[in-house]
Amino acid sequence: MTPKIANDHSANLLGSVWMIAAMAIFAIEDSFIKTASKTLPIGQILIIFGLGGALIFACLARLNKEALFSRDVVSRPMRVRVVFEVVGRLFYTLAISLIPLSAATVILQATPLVVVAGAALVLGEKVGWRRWTAILIGLVGVLVIIRPGTESFSLLSILAVIGMFGFAGRDLASRAAPASLSTLILGLYGFLAIVVAGVAFSVWQSAPFVRPGLETSSYLLGAVLAGVTAYSFLMKAMRTGEVSAVTPFRYTRLLFGISLGVLLFGEKLSFSMLVGSGLIIVSGLFIHWRGRQVNMPGQDL
C-alpha cells in the first residue's frame, strides 16, 4: 500500500468515525427534545434551543475572528435557506413530539433522495434514469412507512414528511450559499431560523410560556449541546475524508434513532417500517454509489 493510499484510507476511516458520532448525537438531541416536549410547548422549545445554539455559534465565530454579519448573509440563497430551515425544524420537531421517534427518524433518511431530485430539477444537475428510479423507490419506502389509505395511517406522520422536504430544501439552498460564509456562520443563522420558527408557532398556537423545571431545563441544555456537537462533528466528517466514503454513514442515524425509540420510549417496530427503511437505505446508498460514476465515460448518470 502506497503512502498516499494509506493516508486516504486513514482519512476516510477517521471521517467515518466522525460521521457515525455525529449521527448518534443527533439522535440523542432528538430524544432530549421529545422528552422536553412532554412538559413544554413546542414553540418555547424551539426558541430556547435556537437561542442556545445561536449563542454558542456566535461565540465560536467571534473567537475565530469572523464577522457575524455581512452582505452575503442576506443574499437570496440565504433567505431561501432560512425559510426551508424554519419549515424543516418546525415540522420535524412537531413530528418527533407527536409520533414515534423511530418513525420520524426513518422518514428523515429520505432527505438525501429529495436533495438529488431537487438538484436535478432546480439546480440543473444531470441525473440519469437509474438514479431517478432509485429516488422513486426510496419515496415508495416513505409511503410504505406512513401507509396512506390504511387504518394505521396517521395524518401526524405527514409532519415528518414536510420536515424532511424542509431539510432537503435547506441543504439545496446551502449548496448555493456564498462561499464566503463559513460553517460557523451557517450554523449561527441556522439556529436563529429555529428561533423564528419557535416564535411563529408560539404566536399561532397562543400557548403561554411555561417555566421549565430543573429536569426539563437539563433536557433542553442537553439538546443544545448535542445539536452543536453533532453539527461540529458532521463538519469534521465532511472535511476529513472523501465525501463519497463518508456520506453513506449518515444512515447510521436511522439505527440510533430506532434504538433510542425502542429503549427509551417503548416503541415497537412494524413490518412496514422495516421494509420502508430498507427501501430508503438501499436507494440512498445506490444513488451515492452511482454518483461516484458520473465522470466515467460512456456511463449513464
C-alpha atoms as a PDB file:
ATOM      1  CA  MET A   1       0.000   0.000   0.000  1.00  0.00           C
ATOM      2  CA  THR A   2       1.464   3.338  -1.084  1.00  0.00           C
ATOM      3  CA  PRO A   3       1.697   6.222   1.452  1.00  0.00           C
ATOM      4  CA  LYS A   4      -0.978   8.204  -0.429  1.00  0.00           C
ATOM      5  CA  ILE A   5      -3.436   5.296  -0.424  1.00  0.00           C
ATOM      6  CA  ALA A   6      -2.692   4.647   3.238  1.00  0.00           C
ATOM      7  CA  ASN A   7      -3.291   8.312   4.087  1.00  0.00           C
ATOM      8  CA  ASP A   8      -6.553   8.355   2.118  1.00  0.00           C
ATOM      9  CA  HIS A   9      -7.690   5.205   3.869  1.00  0.00           C
ATOM     10  CA  SER A  10      -6.868   6.643   7.300  1.00  0.00           C
ATOM     11  CA  ALA A  11      -8.657   9.907   6.486  1.00  0.00           C
ATOM     12  CA  ASN A  12     -11.749   8.049   5.275  1.00  0.00           C
ATOM     13  CA  LEU A  13     -11.747   5.861   8.363  1.00  0.00           C
ATOM     14  CA  LEU A  14     -11.456   8.871  10.670  1.00  0.00           C
ATOM     15  CA  GLY A  15     -14.112  10.750   8.703  1.00  0.00           C
ATOM     16  CA  SER A  16     -16.456   7.782   9.005  1.00  0.00           C
ATOM     17  CA  VAL A  17     -15.954   7.737  12.781  1.00  0.00           C
ATOM     18  CA  TRP A  18     -16.792  11.463  12.953  1.00  0.00           C
ATOM     19  CA  MET A  19     -19.913  10.883  10.855  1.00  0.00           C
ATOM     20  CA  ILE A  20     -21.149   7.970  12.979  1.00  0.00           C
ATOM     21  CA  ALA A  21     -20.555  10.001  16.135  1.00  0.00           C
ATOM     22  CA  ALA A  22     -22.469  12.938  14.652  1.00  0.00           C
ATOM     23  CA  MET A  23     -25.443  10.755  13.752  1.00  0.00           C
ATOM     24  CA  ALA A  24     -25.515   9.185  17.221  1.00  0.00           C
ATOM     25  CA  ILE A  25     -25.509  12.606  18.877  1.00  0.00           C
ATOM     26  CA  PHE A  26     -28.205  13.928  16.527  1.00  0.00           C
ATOM     27  CA  ALA A  27     -30.390  11.015  17.656  1.00  0.00           C
ATOM     28  CA  ILE A  28     -29.671  11.919  21.289  1.00  0.00           C
ATOM     29  CA  GLU A  29     -30.665  15.525  20.526  1.00  0.00           C
ATOM     30  CA  ASP A  30     -33.993  14.263  19.149  1.00  0.00           C
ATOM     31  CA  SER A  31     -34.540  12.223  22.316  1.00  0.00           C
ATOM     32  CA  PHE A  32     -33.921  15.247  24.545  1.00  0.00           C
ATOM     33  CA  ILE A  33     -36.377  17.357  22.537  1.00  0.00           C
ATOM     34  CA  LYS A  34     -39.014  14.634  22.529  1.00  0.00           C
ATOM     35  CA  THR A  35     -38.723  14.279  26.309  1.00  0.00           C
ATOM     36  CA  ALA A  36     -38.872  18.053  26.877  1.00  0.00           C
ATOM     37  CA  SER A  37     -41.981  18.301  24.686  1.00  0.00           C
ATOM     38  CA  LYS A  38     -43.939  16.402  27.332  1.00  0.00           C
ATOM     39  CA  THR A  39     -43.870  19.429  29.641  1.00  0.00           C
ATOM     40  CA  LEU A  40     -43.103  22.441  27.406  1.00  0.00           C
ATOM     41  CA  PRO A  41     -44.865  23.914  24.347  1.00  0.00           C
ATOM     42  CA  ILE A  42     -43.117  23.189  21.062  1.00  0.00           C
ATOM     43  CA  GLY A  43     -42.690  26.865  20.261  1.00  0.00           C
ATOM     44  CA  GLN A  44     -40.923  27.503  23.545  1.00  0.00           C
ATOM     45  CA  ILE A  45     -38.617  24.529  22.999  1.00  0.00           C
ATOM     46  CA  LEU A  46     -37.644  25.839  19.566  1.00  0.00           C
ATOM     47  CA  ILE A  47     -36.969  29.333  20.891  1.00  0.00           C
ATOM     48  CA  ILE A  48     -34.761  28.147  23.750  1.00  0.00           C
ATOM     49  CA  PHE A  49     -33.000  25.564  21.581  1.00  0.00           C
ATOM     50  CA  GLY A  50     -32.396  28.079  18.797  1.00  0.00           C
ATOM     51  CA  LEU A  51     -31.119  30.808  21.100  1.00  0.00           C
ATOM     52  CA  GLY A  52     -28.764  28.408  22.855  1.00  0.00           C
ATOM     53  CA  GLY A  53     -27.281  27.098  19.624  1.00  0.00           C
ATOM     54  CA  ALA A  54     -27.028  30.566  18.070  1.00  0.00           C
ATOM     55  CA  LEU A  55     -25.198  31.901  21.130  1.00  0.00           C
ATOM     56  CA  ILE A  56     -22.635  29.109  21.000  1.00  0.00           C
ATOM     57  CA  PHE A  57     -22.004  29.504  17.271  1.00  0.00           C
ATOM     58  CA  ALA A  58     -21.776  33.295  17.614  1.00  0.00           C
ATOM     59  CA  CYS A  59     -19.135  32.915  20.342  1.00  0.00           C
ATOM     60  CA  LEU A  60     -17.179  30.387  18.281  1.00  0.00           C
ATOM     61  CA  ALA A  61     -17.304  32.658  15.233  1.00  0.00           C
ATOM     62  CA  ARG A  62     -16.052  35.640  17.207  1.00  0.00           C
ATOM     63  CA  LEU A  63     -13.255  33.550  18.724  1.00  0.00           C
ATOM     64  CA  ASN A  64     -12.356  32.691  15.150  1.00  0.00           C
ATOM     65  CA  LYS A  65     -12.407  36.454  14.383  1.00  0.00           C
ATOM     66  CA  GLU A  66     -15.263  36.109  11.906  1.00  0.00           C
ATOM     67  CA  ALA A  67     -17.779  38.883  11.291  1.00  0.00           C
ATOM     68  CA  LEU A  68     -21.270  37.842  12.401  1.00  0.00           C
ATOM     69  CA  PHE A  69     -22.956  39.822   9.650  1.00  0.00           C
ATOM     70  CA  SER A  70     -22.084  40.612   6.070  1.00  0.00           C
ATOM     71  CA  ARG A  71     -23.952  41.398   2.890  1.00  0.00           C
ATOM     72  CA  ASP A  72     -23.796  37.722   1.897  1.00  0.00           C
ATOM     73  CA  VAL A  73     -25.897  36.804   4.931  1.00  0.00           C
ATOM     74  CA  VAL A  74     -28.946  38.397   3.307  1.00  0.00           C
ATOM     75  CA  SER A  75     -28.274  37.012  -0.166  1.00  0.00           C
ATOM     76  CA  ARG A  76     -31.110  35.228  -1.923  1.00  0.00           C
ATOM     77  CA  PRO A  77     -29.801  31.685  -1.262  1.00  0.00           C
ATOM     78  CA  MET A  78     -29.509  32.504   2.449  1.00  0.00           C
ATOM     79  CA  ARG A  79     -33.053  33.907   2.572  1.00  0.00           C
ATOM     80  CA  VAL A  80     -34.326  30.754   0.903  1.00  0.00           C
ATOM     81  CA  ARG A  81     -32.250  28.658   3.305  1.00  0.00           C
ATOM     82  CA  VAL A  82     -33.842  30.358   6.315  1.00  0.00           C
ATOM     83  CA  VAL A  83     -37.358  29.674   5.012  1.00  0.00           C
ATOM     84  CA  PHE A  84     -36.643  25.988   4.498  1.00  0.00           C
ATOM     85  CA  GLU A  85     -34.842  25.761   7.847  1.00  0.00           C
ATOM     86  CA  VAL A  86     -37.936  27.168   9.564  1.00  0.00           C
ATOM     87  CA  VAL A  87     -40.194  24.658   7.812  1.00  0.00           C
ATOM     88  CA  GLY A  88     -37.871  21.706   8.391  1.00  0.00           C
ATOM     89  CA  ARG A  89     -37.169  22.388  12.046  1.00  0.00           C
ATOM     90  CA  LEU A  90     -40.742  23.242  12.970  1.00  0.00           C
ATOM     91  CA  PHE A  91     -42.414  20.263  11.362  1.00  0.00           C
ATOM     92  CA  TYR A  92     -39.717  17.750  12.285  1.00  0.00           C
ATOM     93  CA  THR A  93     -39.836  18.889  15.918  1.00  0.00           C
ATOM     94  CA  LEU A  94     -43.612  18.533  15.859  1.00  0.00           C
ATOM     95  CA  ALA A  95     -43.162  15.073  14.378  1.00  0.00           C
ATOM     96  CA  ILE A  96     -40.746  13.749  16.992  1.00  0.00           C
ATOM     97  CA  SER A  97     -43.001  15.101  19.751  1.00  0.00           C
ATOM     98  CA  LEU A  98     -46.214  13.567  18.386  1.00  0.00           C
ATOM     99  CA  ILE A  99     -45.214  10.350  16.601  1.00  0.00           C
ATOM    100  CA  PRO A 100     -42.706   7.609  17.464  1.00  0.00           C
ATOM    101  CA  LEU A 101     -39.110   8.810  17.300  1.00  0.00           C
ATOM    102  CA  SER A 102     -38.181   5.758  15.246  1.00  0.00           C
ATOM    103  CA  ALA A 103     -40.769   6.577  12.558  1.00  0.00           C
ATOM    104  CA  ALA A 104     -39.745  10.236  12.318  1.00  0.00           C
ATOM    105  CA  THR A 105     -36.063   9.285  12.096  1.00  0.00           C
ATOM    106  CA  VAL A 106     -36.684   6.770   9.320  1.00  0.00           C
ATOM    107  CA  ILE A 107     -38.683   9.239   7.240  1.00  0.00           C
ATOM    108  CA  LEU A 108     -35.939  11.849   7.680  1.00  0.00           C
ATOM    109  CA  GLN A 109     -33.468   9.499   5.985  1.00  0.00           C
ATOM    110  CA  ALA A 110     -35.216  10.165   2.672  1.00  0.00           C
ATOM    111  CA  THR A 111     -33.794  13.705   2.696  1.00  0.00           C
ATOM    112  CA  PRO A 112     -30.744  12.853   0.501  1.00  0.00           C
ATOM    113  CA  LEU A 113     -33.076  11.376  -2.124  1.00  0.00           C
ATOM    114  CA  VAL A 114     -35.064  14.596  -2.311  1.00  0.00           C
ATOM    115  CA  VAL A 115     -31.846  16.633  -2.411  1.00  0.00           C
ATOM    116  CA  VAL A 116     -30.661  14.738  -5.502  1.00  0.00           C
ATOM    117  CA  ALA A 117     -34.057  15.175  -7.166  1.00  0.00           C
ATOM    118  CA  GLY A 118     -34.102  18.873  -6.277  1.00  0.00           C
ATOM    119  CA  ALA A 119     -30.553  19.349  -7.574  1.00  0.00           C
ATOM    120  CA  ALA A 120     -31.705  17.968 -10.927  1.00  0.00           C
ATOM    121  CA  LEU A 121     -34.938  19.944 -11.112  1.00  0.00           C
ATOM    122  CA  VAL A 122     -33.787  23.238  -9.589  1.00  0.00           C
ATOM    123  CA  LEU A 123     -30.012  23.436  -9.990  1.00  0.00           C
ATOM    124  CA  GLY A 124     -29.854  21.703 -13.358  1.00  0.00           C
ATOM    125  CA  GLU A 125     -27.594  18.855 -12.253  1.00  0.00           C
ATOM    126  CA  LYS A 126     -27.720  15.862 -14.562  1.00  0.00           C
ATOM    127  CA  VAL A 127     -29.374  12.764 -13.092  1.00  0.00           C
ATOM    128  CA  GLY A 128     -29.862   9.657 -15.191  1.00  0.00           C
ATOM    129  CA  TRP A 129     -32.705   7.164 -15.234  1.00  0.00           C
ATOM    130  CA  ARG A 130     -31.010   4.804 -12.771  1.00  0.00           C
ATOM    131  CA  ARG A 131     -30.843   7.403 -10.026  1.00  0.00           C
ATOM    132  CA  TRP A 132     -34.354   8.664 -10.805  1.00  0.00           C
ATOM    133  CA  THR A 133     -35.567   5.074 -10.383  1.00  0.00           C
ATOM    134  CA  ALA A 134     -33.749   4.827  -7.052  1.00  0.00           C
ATOM    135  CA  ILE A 135     -35.309   8.119  -5.916  1.00  0.00           C
ATOM    136  CA  LEU A 136     -38.794   6.822  -6.717  1.00  0.00           C
ATOM    137  CA  ILE A 137     -38.092   3.548  -4.890  1.00  0.00           C
ATOM    138  CA  GLY A 138     -36.910   5.471  -1.830  1.00  0.00           C
ATOM    139  CA  LEU A 139     -40.062   7.619  -1.855  1.00  0.00           C
ATOM    140  CA  VAL A 140     -42.113   4.441  -2.128  1.00  0.00           C
ATOM    141  CA  GLY A 141     -40.323   3.397   1.054  1.00  0.00           C
ATOM    142  CA  VAL A 142     -41.682   6.522   2.752  1.00  0.00           C
ATOM    143  CA  LEU A 143     -45.197   5.605   1.590  1.00  0.00           C
ATOM    144  CA  VAL A 144     -44.740   2.069   2.932  1.00  0.00           C
ATOM    145  CA  ILE A 145     -43.912   3.545   6.344  1.00  0.00           C
ATOM    146  CA  ILE A 146     -46.776   6.037   6.594  1.00  0.00           C
ATOM    147  CA  ARG A 147     -49.237   3.673   4.805  1.00  0.00           C
ATOM    148  CA  PRO A 148     -51.780   6.180   3.459  1.00  0.00           C
ATOM    149  CA  GLY A 149     -55.259   4.774   2.900  1.00  0.00           C
ATOM    150  CA  THR A 150     -54.959   2.130   5.616  1.00  0.00           C
ATOM    151  CA  GLU A 151     -56.431   2.023   9.108  1.00  0.00           C
ATOM    152  CA  SER A 152     -52.985   2.514  10.633  1.00  0.00           C
ATOM    153  CA  PHE A 153     -52.377   5.727   8.687  1.00  0.00           C
ATOM    154  CA  SER A 154     -51.939   8.830  10.855  1.00  0.00           C
ATOM    155  CA  LEU A 155     -52.020  12.357   9.483  1.00  0.00           C
ATOM    156  CA  LEU A 156     -49.394  13.208  12.077  1.00  0.00           C
ATOM    157  CA  SER A 157     -46.828  11.246  10.074  1.00  0.00           C
ATOM    158  CA  ILE A 158     -47.179  13.898   7.354  1.00  0.00           C
ATOM    159  CA  LEU A 159     -45.424  16.266   9.764  1.00  0.00           C
ATOM    160  CA  ALA A 160     -42.225  14.246   9.401  1.00  0.00           C
ATOM    161  CA  VAL A 161     -42.594  14.227   5.609  1.00  0.00           C
ATOM    162  CA  ILE A 162     -42.973  18.016   5.496  1.00  0.00           C
ATOM    163  CA  GLY A 163     -39.986  18.355   7.823  1.00  0.00           C
ATOM    164  CA  MET A 164     -37.960  16.107   5.559  1.00  0.00           C
ATOM    165  CA  PHE A 165     -38.780  18.242   2.499  1.00  0.00           C
ATOM    166  CA  GLY A 166     -37.876  21.347   4.516  1.00  0.00           C
ATOM    167  CA  PHE A 167     -34.443  19.955   5.372  1.00  0.00           C
ATOM    168  CA  ALA A 168     -33.915  18.922   1.745  1.00  0.00           C
ATOM    169  CA  GLY A 169     -34.670  22.477   0.617  1.00  0.00           C
ATOM    170  CA  ARG A 170     -32.296  23.820   3.243  1.00  0.00           C
ATOM    171  CA  ASP A 171     -29.497  21.543   2.019  1.00  0.00           C
ATOM    172  CA  LEU A 172     -30.081  22.619  -1.583  1.00  0.00           C
ATOM    173  CA  ALA A 173     -30.000  26.289  -0.606  1.00  0.00           C
ATOM    174  CA  SER A 174     -26.805  25.665   1.367  1.00  0.00           C
ATOM    175  CA  ARG A 175     -25.134  24.439  -1.803  1.00  0.00           C
ATOM    176  CA  ALA A 176     -25.944  27.772  -3.434  1.00  0.00           C
ATOM    177  CA  ALA A 177     -24.955  29.863  -0.399  1.00  0.00           C
ATOM    178  CA  PRO A 178     -21.995  32.258  -0.873  1.00  0.00           C
ATOM    179  CA  ALA A 179     -18.667  30.515  -0.335  1.00  0.00           C
ATOM    180  CA  SER A 180     -17.565  33.399   1.880  1.00  0.00           C
ATOM    181  CA  LEU A 181     -19.867  32.189   4.662  1.00  0.00           C
ATOM    182  CA  SER A 182     -18.164  29.711   6.986  1.00  0.00           C
ATOM    183  CA  THR A 183     -19.833  26.714   8.571  1.00  0.00           C
ATOM    184  CA  LEU A 184     -19.922  28.632  11.858  1.00  0.00           C
ATOM    185  CA  ILE A 185     -21.884  31.461  10.283  1.00  0.00           C
ATOM    186  CA  LEU A 186     -24.203  28.991   8.556  1.00  0.00           C
ATOM    187  CA  GLY A 187     -24.713  27.315  11.924  1.00  0.00           C
ATOM    188  CA  LEU A 188     -25.431  30.656  13.600  1.00  0.00           C
ATOM    189  CA  TYR A 189     -28.135  31.648  11.145  1.00  0.00           C
ATOM    190  CA  GLY A 190     -29.498  28.129  11.024  1.00  0.00           C
ATOM    191  CA  PHE A 191     -30.158  28.264  14.771  1.00  0.00           C
ATOM    192  CA  LEU A 192     -31.558  31.803  14.509  1.00  0.00           C
ATOM    193  CA  ALA A 193     -34.016  30.402  11.968  1.00  0.00           C
ATOM    194  CA  ILE A 194     -35.117  27.916  14.629  1.00  0.00           C
ATOM    195  CA  VAL A 195     -35.910  30.869  16.909  1.00  0.00           C
ATOM    196  CA  VAL A 196     -38.072  32.343  14.128  1.00  0.00           C
ATOM    197  CA  ALA A 197     -39.870  29.009  13.804  1.00  0.00           C
ATOM    198  CA  GLY A 198     -40.499  28.928  17.548  1.00  0.00           C
ATOM    199  CA  VAL A 199     -41.822  32.485  17.690  1.00  0.00           C
ATOM    200  CA  ALA A 200     -44.122  31.920  14.705  1.00  0.00           C
ATOM    201  CA  PHE A 201     -45.539  28.716  16.143  1.00  0.00           C
ATOM    202  CA  SER A 202     -45.969  30.236  19.603  1.00  0.00           C
ATOM    203  CA  VAL A 203     -47.966  33.133  18.122  1.00  0.00           C
ATOM    204  CA  TRP A 204     -50.088  30.740  16.065  1.00  0.00           C
ATOM    205  CA  GLN A 205     -50.667  28.366  18.972  1.00  0.00           C
ATOM    206  CA  SER A 206     -51.182  31.150  21.543  1.00  0.00           C
ATOM    207  CA  ALA A 207     -49.671  28.875  24.176  1.00  0.00           C
ATOM    208  CA  PRO A 208     -48.400  30.595  27.341  1.00  0.00           C
ATOM    209  CA  PHE A 209     -44.750  30.117  28.184  1.00  0.00           C
ATOM    210  CA  VAL A 210     -44.061  27.602  30.929  1.00  0.00           C
ATOM    211  CA  ARG A 211     -41.249  27.975  33.409  1.00  0.00           C
ATOM    212  CA  PRO A 212     -39.192  24.807  32.927  1.00  0.00           C
ATOM    213  CA  GLY A 213     -38.172  22.839  35.975  1.00  0.00           C
ATOM    214  CA  LEU A 214     -34.651  21.686  36.646  1.00  0.00           C
ATOM    215  CA  GLU A 215     -35.139  18.339  34.912  1.00  0.00           C
ATOM    216  CA  THR A 216     -36.698  19.861  31.786  1.00  0.00           C
ATOM    217  CA  SER A 217     -34.018  22.560  31.702  1.00  0.00           C
ATOM    218  CA  SER A 218     -31.372  19.843  31.727  1.00  0.00           C
ATOM    219  CA  TYR A 219     -33.063  18.200  28.728  1.00  0.00           C
ATOM    220  CA  LEU A 220     -33.032  21.499  26.839  1.00  0.00           C
ATOM    221  CA  LEU A 221     -29.399  22.118  27.711  1.00  0.00           C
ATOM    222  CA  GLY A 222     -28.577  18.606  26.600  1.00  0.00           C
ATOM    223  CA  ALA A 223     -30.393  19.185  23.299  1.00  0.00           C
ATOM    224  CA  VAL A 224     -28.467  22.406  22.637  1.00  0.00           C
ATOM    225  CA  LEU A 225     -25.082  20.881  23.459  1.00  0.00           C
ATOM    226  CA  ALA A 226     -25.904  17.756  21.465  1.00  0.00           C
ATOM    227  CA  GLY A 227     -27.058  19.782  18.462  1.00  0.00           C
ATOM    228  CA  VAL A 228     -23.931  21.965  18.373  1.00  0.00           C
ATOM    229  CA  THR A 229     -21.618  18.991  18.965  1.00  0.00           C
ATOM    230  CA  ALA A 230     -23.279  16.857  16.299  1.00  0.00           C
ATOM    231  CA  TYR A 231     -23.130  19.714  13.793  1.00  0.00           C
ATOM    232  CA  SER A 232     -19.429  20.219  14.526  1.00  0.00           C
ATOM    233  CA  PHE A 233     -18.720  16.503  14.164  1.00  0.00           C
ATOM    234  CA  LEU A 234     -20.634  16.469  10.883  1.00  0.00           C
ATOM    235  CA  MET A 235     -18.464  19.272   9.525  1.00  0.00           C
ATOM    236  CA  LYS A 236     -15.318  17.441  10.674  1.00  0.00           C
ATOM    237  CA  ALA A 237     -16.511  14.292   8.919  1.00  0.00           C
ATOM    238  CA  MET A 238     -17.162  16.079   5.630  1.00  0.00           C
ATOM    239  CA  ARG A 239     -13.759  17.769   5.756  1.00  0.00           C
ATOM    240  CA  THR A 240     -11.671  14.808   6.889  1.00  0.00           C
ATOM    241  CA  GLY A 241     -12.404  12.022   4.416  1.00  0.00           C
ATOM    242  CA  GLU A 242     -13.718  11.787   0.874  1.00  0.00           C
ATOM    243  CA  VAL A 243     -17.377  12.755   0.653  1.00  0.00           C
ATOM    244  CA  SER A 244     -18.129   9.555  -1.273  1.00  0.00           C
ATOM    245  CA  ALA A 245     -16.618   7.445   1.513  1.00  0.00           C
ATOM    246  CA  VAL A 246     -18.052   9.308   4.487  1.00  0.00           C
ATOM    247  CA  THR A 247     -21.585  10.283   3.430  1.00  0.00           C
ATOM    248  CA  PRO A 248     -23.113   6.749   3.431  1.00  0.00           C
ATOM    249  CA  PHE A 249     -22.570   6.609   7.189  1.00  0.00           C
ATOM    250  CA  ARG A 250     -25.318   9.239   7.557  1.00  0.00           C
ATOM    251  CA  TYR A 251     -27.725   6.311   7.519  1.00  0.00           C
ATOM    252  CA  THR A 252     -26.459   5.147  10.893  1.00  0.00           C
ATOM    253  CA  ARG A 253     -28.739   7.835  12.337  1.00  0.00           C
ATOM    254  CA  LEU A 254     -31.606   5.527  11.461  1.00  0.00           C
ATOM    255  CA  LEU A 255     -30.132   2.769  13.629  1.00  0.00           C
ATOM    256  CA  PHE A 256     -29.528   5.124  16.550  1.00  0.00           C
ATOM    257  CA  GLY A 257     -32.978   6.718  16.255  1.00  0.00           C
ATOM    258  CA  ILE A 258     -34.746   3.373  16.170  1.00  0.00           C
ATOM    259  CA  SER A 259     -32.689   2.037  19.073  1.00  0.00           C
ATOM    260  CA  LEU A 260     -33.408   5.058  21.279  1.00  0.00           C
ATOM    261  CA  GLY A 261     -37.080   4.946  20.333  1.00  0.00           C
ATOM    262  CA  VAL A 262     -37.339   1.322  21.400  1.00  0.00           C
ATOM    263  CA  LEU A 263     -35.183   1.576  24.540  1.00  0.00           C
ATOM    264  CA  LEU A 264     -36.270   4.963  25.905  1.00  0.00           C
ATOM    265  CA  PHE A 265     -39.838   5.352  24.686  1.00  0.00           C
ATOM    266  CA  GLY A 266     -41.016   1.755  24.396  1.00  0.00           C
ATOM    267  CA  GLU A 267     -41.728   1.994  20.671  1.00  0.00           C
ATOM    268  CA  LYS A 268     -42.356  -1.094  18.572  1.00  0.00           C
ATOM    269  CA  LEU A 269     -41.168  -1.714  15.037  1.00  0.00           C
ATOM    270  CA  SER A 270     -43.731  -2.769  12.465  1.00  0.00           C
ATOM    271  CA  PHE A 271     -43.024  -4.873   9.405  1.00  0.00           C
ATOM    272  CA  SER A 272     -43.908  -1.943   7.139  1.00  0.00           C
ATOM    273  CA  MET A 273     -41.351   0.270   8.888  1.00  0.00           C
ATOM    274  CA  LEU A 274     -38.624  -2.314   8.391  1.00  0.00           C
ATOM    275  CA  VAL A 275     -39.488  -2.713   4.708  1.00  0.00           C
ATOM    276  CA  GLY A 276     -39.712   1.044   4.165  1.00  0.00           C
ATOM    277  CA  SER A 277     -36.402   1.589   5.964  1.00  0.00           C
ATOM    278  CA  GLY A 278     -34.735  -0.987   3.743  1.00  0.00           C
ATOM    279  CA  LEU A 279     -36.039   0.666   0.575  1.00  0.00           C
ATOM    280  CA  ILE A 280     -34.850   4.106   1.691  1.00  0.00           C
ATOM    281  CA  ILE A 281     -31.380   2.918   2.720  1.00  0.00           C
ATOM    282  CA  VAL A 282     -30.787   0.797  -0.385  1.00  0.00           C
ATOM    283  CA  SER A 283     -31.972   3.617  -2.640  1.00  0.00           C
ATOM    284  CA  GLY A 284     -29.811   6.172  -0.875  1.00  0.00           C
ATOM    285  CA  LEU A 285     -26.704   4.024  -0.992  1.00  0.00           C
ATOM    286  CA  PHE A 286     -27.258   3.223  -4.668  1.00  0.00           C
ATOM    287  CA  ILE A 287     -27.677   6.914  -5.535  1.00  0.00           C
ATOM    288  CA  HIS A 288     -24.481   7.736  -3.689  1.00  0.00           C
ATOM    289  CA  TRP A 289     -22.576   4.908  -5.349  1.00  0.00           C
ATOM    290  CA  ARG A 290     -23.932   5.871  -8.754  1.00  0.00           C
ATOM    291  CA  GLY A 291     -22.914   9.461  -8.185  1.00  0.00           C
ATOM    292  CA  ARG A 292     -19.285   8.326  -7.989  1.00  0.00           C
ATOM    293  CA  GLN A 293     -19.522   7.027 -11.553  1.00  0.00           C
ATOM    294  CA  VAL A 294     -20.523  10.322 -13.182  1.00  0.00           C
ATOM    295  CA  ASN A 295     -17.028  11.034 -14.512  1.00  0.00           C
ATOM    296  CA  MET A 296     -16.680   7.667 -16.159  1.00  0.00           C
ATOM    297  CA  PRO A 297     -17.059   7.992 -19.968  1.00  0.00           C
ATOM    298  CA  GLY A 298     -19.924   6.146 -21.571  1.00  0.00           C
ATOM    299  CA  GLN A 299     -21.872   5.803 -18.336  1.00  0.00           C
ATOM    300  CA  ASP A 300     -25.457   6.946 -17.803  1.00  0.00           C
ATOM    301  CA  LEU A 301     -25.744   9.251 -14.828  1.00  0.00           C
END
